Amino acid sequence: MSNPTSKPTSPSSSRPILIVSGVAAAAVLLGVVSYTATKPSSPGAAGSSVAEVSADPSAGVYSALEAYARRDAADKLALGRADAPVVLVEYADFKCGYCGQFARETEPALVRKYVANGTLRIEWRNFPIFGEESEAVARASWAAGQQGRFWEFHKAAYAEGAKEKGFGKDRLAALAKEAGVPDAARFAKDTDGAAAREAVREDQEQGYELGATSTPSFLVNGRPIAGAQPLETFTEAIEAAAKSAAAKGSGAKGRP
């Protein structure tokens, strides 16, 4: 079995976009190095290798990468409080099998444990790297989000066996219906509209700026994690980030 990250099939997809800003360029370098460092070391043990997470809450955290969290309260593709102390940014493709594994097996546990109590916010980024159908379903997920049904669409598109059925136009309409999107005509129009294309492009470019070349890829308060790692990897990273955020808050209150 392959390494628990899915890689783009197009050579052009794997080249990070050039960044003008020195800070952003540093983020690319740090992102590439850290993603390489956190990839599981045992290709034959997909889903069983754990990325290194130090007890030091600042280890492997890059302040330049924390800015990738948007914290926009109006973001329809986000879950949790905009002011949550920890933000998990997820770059994923609906045609990626390991993204589906994370969505079905790991993410629901994080939502129950951390989003529900206000500790965690999850921000989705469409990062389509597997061709036209990837692009189409990414736009469709955005369109579902415009009617408040992104996460329901996300669940339907990542259901066991869903990606094997493809993401053609009829299939996307069926997924929208399953997700409870109320206005099918608006959904179809939004899916093919310029706003959806621009939103997906913006997410995709952010992923490339970060240095991500595989899916799923994550940031937890500036700490990169690559692949559908076990639940423990994410809980340890979230706990460390929450601890660090609390310490920073206490320090700010203690200063004159």
Protein backbone atom coordinates (compact mmCIF):
# COMPACT_ATOMS: atom_id res chain seq x y z
CA MET A 1 0.00 0.00 0.00
CA SER A 2 1.20 3.46 -0.77
CA ASN A 3 2.22 6.28 1.54
CA PRO A 4 -0.88 7.95 3.08
CA THR A 5 -0.68 11.03 0.91
CA SER A 6 -2.06 11.34 -2.60
CA LYS A 7 0.12 13.13 -5.11
CA PRO A 8 -0.82 15.12 -8.20
CA THR A 9 -0.58 13.35 -11.52
CA SER A 10 0.17 16.48 -13.50
CA PRO A 11 3.77 17.78 -13.41
CA SER A 12 2.49 21.35 -13.47
CA SER A 13 0.45 20.67 -10.34
CA SER A 14 3.51 19.82 -8.29
CA ARG A 15 5.36 23.11 -8.77
CA PRO A 16 4.68 25.66 -6.01
CA ILE A 17 3.71 29.08 -7.33
CA LEU A 18 6.52 31.65 -7.09
CA ILE A 19 6.06 34.10 -4.23
CA VAL A 20 7.29 37.69 -4.36
CA SER A 21 7.18 38.45 -0.64
CA GLY A 22 10.23 37.41 1.38
CA VAL A 23 8.03 36.28 4.25
CA ALA A 24 5.91 34.14 1.96
CA ALA A 25 9.03 32.71 0.30
CA ALA A 26 10.27 31.69 3.74
CA ALA A 27 6.92 30.05 4.38
CA VAL A 28 7.31 28.00 1.18
CA LEU A 29 10.74 26.78 2.26
CA LEU A 30 9.61 25.94 5.78
CA GLY A 31 6.48 24.30 4.47
CA VAL A 32 8.35 22.05 2.05
CA VAL A 33 10.91 21.04 4.66
CA SER A 34 8.29 20.38 7.32
CA TYR A 35 5.95 18.46 5.02
CA THR A 36 8.86 16.25 4.02
CA ALA A 37 9.79 15.75 7.66
CA THR A 38 6.29 14.79 8.73
CA LYS A 39 5.58 12.26 5.98
CA PRO A 40 5.28 8.75 7.46
CA SER A 41 8.55 6.87 7.28
CA SER A 42 7.03 3.48 6.52
CA PRO A 43 5.37 3.37 3.09
CA GLY A 44 4.04 -0.10 3.81
CA ALA A 45 2.11 0.96 6.90
CA ALA A 46 -0.43 3.41 5.57
CA GLY A 47 -2.43 4.97 8.34
CA SER A 48 -0.25 3.51 11.08
CA SER A 49 2.77 5.80 11.04
CA VAL A 50 2.57 8.82 13.32
CA ALA A 51 4.13 12.16 12.43
CA GLU A 52 6.56 13.55 14.96
CA VAL A 53 4.79 15.79 17.46
CA SER A 54 7.03 17.17 20.19
CA ALA A 55 5.91 17.83 23.76
CA ASP A 56 7.23 21.36 23.21
CA PRO A 57 4.14 23.26 21.97
CA SER A 58 6.29 25.53 19.79
CA ALA A 59 8.24 22.72 18.08
CA GLY A 60 7.66 22.56 14.34
CA VAL A 61 5.48 25.67 14.43
CA TYR A 62 6.25 28.52 12.04
CA SER A 63 4.66 31.88 12.80
CA ALA A 64 4.63 32.82 9.10
CA LEU A 65 2.32 29.89 8.43
CA GLU A 66 -0.20 30.85 11.11
CA ALA A 67 -1.36 33.65 8.81
CA TYR A 68 -2.85 31.07 6.43
CA ALA A 69 -5.83 30.78 8.78
CA ARG A 70 -8.44 33.28 7.59
CA ARG A 71 -10.65 33.35 10.70
CA ASP A 72 -13.48 34.84 8.65
CA ALA A 73 -16.77 34.49 10.53
CA ALA A 74 -18.62 34.58 7.18
CA ASP A 75 -16.60 31.69 5.72
CA LYS A 76 -19.16 29.11 4.61
CA LEU A 77 -16.49 26.42 4.24
CA ALA A 78 -15.37 26.60 7.86
CA LEU A 79 -16.59 24.94 11.02
CA GLY A 80 -16.25 26.32 14.54
CA ARG A 81 -15.76 29.69 16.18
CA ALA A 82 -13.71 32.28 14.28
CA ASP A 83 -11.95 33.14 17.56
CA ALA A 84 -11.14 29.53 18.52
CA PRO A 85 -7.61 29.24 19.94
CA VAL A 86 -6.66 26.55 17.41
CA VAL A 87 -7.27 26.55 13.67
CA LEU A 88 -6.80 23.45 11.53
CA VAL A 89 -6.53 24.38 7.86
CA GLU A 90 -7.15 21.43 5.54
CA TYR A 91 -6.06 21.30 1.88
CA ALA A 92 -7.84 18.42 0.19
CA ASP A 93 -9.28 16.97 -3.02
CA PHE A 94 -12.62 15.13 -3.16
CA LYS A 95 -11.06 12.53 -5.48
CA CYS A 96 -8.32 11.76 -2.93
CA GLY A 97 -8.86 8.44 -1.16
CA TYR A 98 -6.83 9.37 1.91
CA CYS A 99 -8.74 12.65 2.19
CA GLY A 100 -11.89 10.55 2.35
CA GLN A 101 -10.31 8.36 5.02
CA PHE A 102 -9.57 11.43 7.13
CA ALA A 103 -13.08 12.82 6.56
CA ARG A 104 -14.77 9.60 7.63
CA GLU A 105 -12.51 8.33 10.39
CA THR A 106 -10.67 11.26 11.99
CA GLU A 107 -12.41 14.56 11.38
CA PRO A 108 -15.72 13.62 13.08
CA ALA A 109 -13.80 12.77 16.27
CA LEU A 110 -12.02 16.14 16.16
CA VAL A 111 -15.36 17.91 15.68
CA ARG A 112 -16.92 16.13 18.65
CA LYS A 113 -13.94 16.65 20.94
CA TYR A 114 -12.62 20.09 20.00
CA VAL A 115 -14.97 22.02 17.70
CA ALA A 116 -17.96 21.40 19.96
CA ASN A 117 -16.24 22.94 22.99
CA GLY A 118 -14.84 25.95 21.12
CA THR A 119 -11.19 24.86 21.09
CA LEU A 120 -10.89 24.15 17.38
CA ARG A 121 -11.92 25.75 14.12
CA ILE A 122 -11.60 23.78 10.86
CA GLU A 123 -11.10 25.74 7.65
CA TRP A 124 -11.46 23.88 4.37
CA ARG A 125 -9.38 24.72 1.31
CA ASN A 126 -10.25 23.20 -2.06
CA PHE A 127 -6.99 21.83 -3.46
CA PRO A 128 -8.00 19.96 -6.65
CA ILE A 129 -5.02 18.19 -8.18
CA PHE A 130 -6.56 15.27 -10.09
CA GLY A 131 -7.94 16.97 -13.18
CA GLU A 132 -11.28 18.27 -14.44
CA GLU A 133 -13.53 16.26 -12.13
CA SER A 134 -11.53 17.43 -9.12
CA GLU A 135 -12.04 21.01 -10.24
CA ALA A 136 -15.75 20.43 -10.86
CA VAL A 137 -16.50 18.88 -7.49
CA ALA A 138 -14.44 21.57 -5.76
CA ARG A 139 -16.62 24.24 -7.39
CA ALA A 140 -19.74 22.23 -6.51
CA SER A 141 -18.72 22.09 -2.85
CA TRP A 142 -18.32 25.87 -2.86
CA ALA A 143 -21.73 26.23 -4.51
CA ALA A 144 -23.31 24.01 -1.85
CA GLY A 145 -21.66 26.23 0.75
CA GLN A 146 -23.42 29.29 -0.67
CA GLN A 147 -26.67 27.67 0.45
CA GLY A 148 -25.29 26.65 3.83
CA ARG A 149 -24.80 22.98 2.94
CA PHE A 150 -21.03 22.67 2.43
CA TRP A 151 -20.39 20.20 5.24
CA GLU A 152 -23.37 18.08 4.23
CA PHE A 153 -22.03 18.01 0.66
CA HIS A 154 -18.56 17.22 2.04
CA LYS A 155 -19.99 14.22 3.90
CA ALA A 156 -21.86 12.94 0.84
CA ALA A 157 -18.87 13.37 -1.49
CA TYR A 158 -16.56 11.57 0.93
CA ALA A 159 -18.93 8.70 1.73
CA GLU A 160 -17.48 5.23 1.23
CA GLY A 161 -17.48 4.46 -2.50
CA ALA A 162 -18.59 7.97 -3.56
CA LYS A 163 -15.49 8.92 -5.53
CA GLU A 164 -15.64 5.66 -7.50
CA LYS A 165 -18.94 6.89 -8.99
CA GLY A 166 -17.18 9.93 -10.42
CA PHE A 167 -18.11 13.58 -10.24
CA GLY A 168 -19.87 14.28 -13.50
CA LYS A 169 -22.63 16.89 -13.72
CA ASP A 170 -25.46 14.46 -12.95
CA ARG A 171 -23.54 12.98 -10.06
CA LEU A 172 -22.86 16.43 -8.59
CA ALA A 173 -26.57 17.23 -8.79
CA ALA A 174 -27.34 13.97 -6.98
CA LEU A 175 -24.81 14.78 -4.25
CA ALA A 176 -26.33 18.23 -3.82
CA LYS A 177 -29.77 16.66 -3.43
CA GLU A 178 -28.38 14.18 -0.89
CA ALA A 179 -26.78 17.09 0.98
CA GLY A 180 -30.09 18.91 1.16
CA VAL A 181 -29.11 21.85 -1.06
CA PRO A 182 -32.49 23.60 -1.41
CA ASP A 183 -32.18 25.36 -4.78
CA ALA A 184 -30.91 22.99 -7.47
CA ALA A 185 -30.99 25.60 -10.24
CA ARG A 186 -28.92 28.05 -8.21
CA PHE A 187 -26.52 25.25 -7.28
CA ALA A 188 -25.94 24.39 -10.96
CA LYS A 189 -25.45 28.05 -11.88
CA ASP A 190 -23.08 28.72 -8.98
CA THR A 191 -21.05 25.59 -9.73
CA ASP A 192 -20.27 26.83 -13.25
CA GLY A 193 -19.93 30.48 -12.27
CA ALA A 194 -16.92 32.76 -12.14
CA ALA A 195 -17.15 33.22 -8.36
CA ALA A 196 -16.74 29.48 -7.76
CA ARG A 197 -13.76 29.30 -10.10
CA GLU A 198 -12.12 32.25 -8.37
CA ALA A 199 -12.72 30.83 -4.88
CA VAL A 200 -11.22 27.47 -5.85
CA ARG A 201 -8.27 29.16 -7.56
CA GLU A 202 -7.57 31.23 -4.45
CA ASP A 203 -7.59 28.13 -2.22
CA GLN A 204 -5.41 26.21 -4.67
CA GLU A 205 -2.85 28.98 -4.94
CA GLN A 206 -2.64 29.23 -1.17
CA GLY A 207 -1.82 25.52 -1.00
CA TYR A 208 0.92 25.87 -3.59
CA GLU A 209 2.33 28.93 -1.82
CA LEU A 210 2.55 26.81 1.31
CA GLY A 211 4.55 24.20 -0.58
CA ALA A 212 1.89 21.48 -0.42
CA THR A 213 2.31 18.94 -3.22
CA SER A 214 0.03 16.20 -1.90
CA THR A 215 -3.37 15.71 -0.30
CA PRO A 216 -4.48 15.86 2.38
CA SER A 217 -2.19 18.51 3.84
CA PHE A 218 -2.84 20.42 7.05
CA LEU A 219 -1.76 23.34 9.20
CA VAL A 220 -2.50 23.36 12.93
CA ASN A 221 -1.72 26.89 14.15
CA GLY A 222 1.28 27.03 11.84
CA ARG A 223 2.40 23.43 12.28
CA PRO A 224 2.37 21.47 9.00
CA ILE A 225 1.12 17.87 8.97
CA ALA A 226 1.09 15.77 5.79
CA GLY A 227 -1.23 12.89 5.05
CA ALA A 228 -4.16 11.11 6.67
CA GLN A 229 -2.26 10.58 9.89
CA PRO A 230 -3.80 8.73 12.86
CA LEU A 231 -6.13 10.57 15.19
CA GLU A 232 -3.41 10.77 17.85
CA THR A 233 -1.23 12.94 15.61
CA PHE A 234 -3.97 15.55 15.35
CA THR A 235 -5.06 15.42 18.98
CA GLU A 236 -1.46 15.90 20.16
CA ALA A 237 -0.93 18.81 17.75
CA ILE A 238 -4.23 20.44 18.76
CA GLU A 239 -3.55 20.00 22.48
CA ALA A 240 -0.07 21.49 22.07
CA ALA A 241 -1.44 24.42 20.06
CA ALA A 242 -4.19 25.06 22.62
CA LYS A 243 -1.63 25.01 25.42
CA SER A 244 0.58 27.46 23.56
CA ALA A 245 -2.35 29.77 22.80
CA ALA A 246 -3.38 29.75 26.45
CA ALA A 247 0.17 30.60 27.52
CA LYS A 248 0.32 33.50 25.07
CA GLY A 249 -3.02 34.77 26.36
CA SER A 250 -1.87 34.64 29.97
CA GLY A 251 1.36 36.42 29.06
CA ALA A 252 -0.53 39.20 27.29
CA LYS A 253 -2.81 39.72 30.29
CA GLY A 254 0.16 39.78 32.64
CA ARG A 255 2.01 42.56 30.84
CA PRO A 256 1.48 46.17 31.99
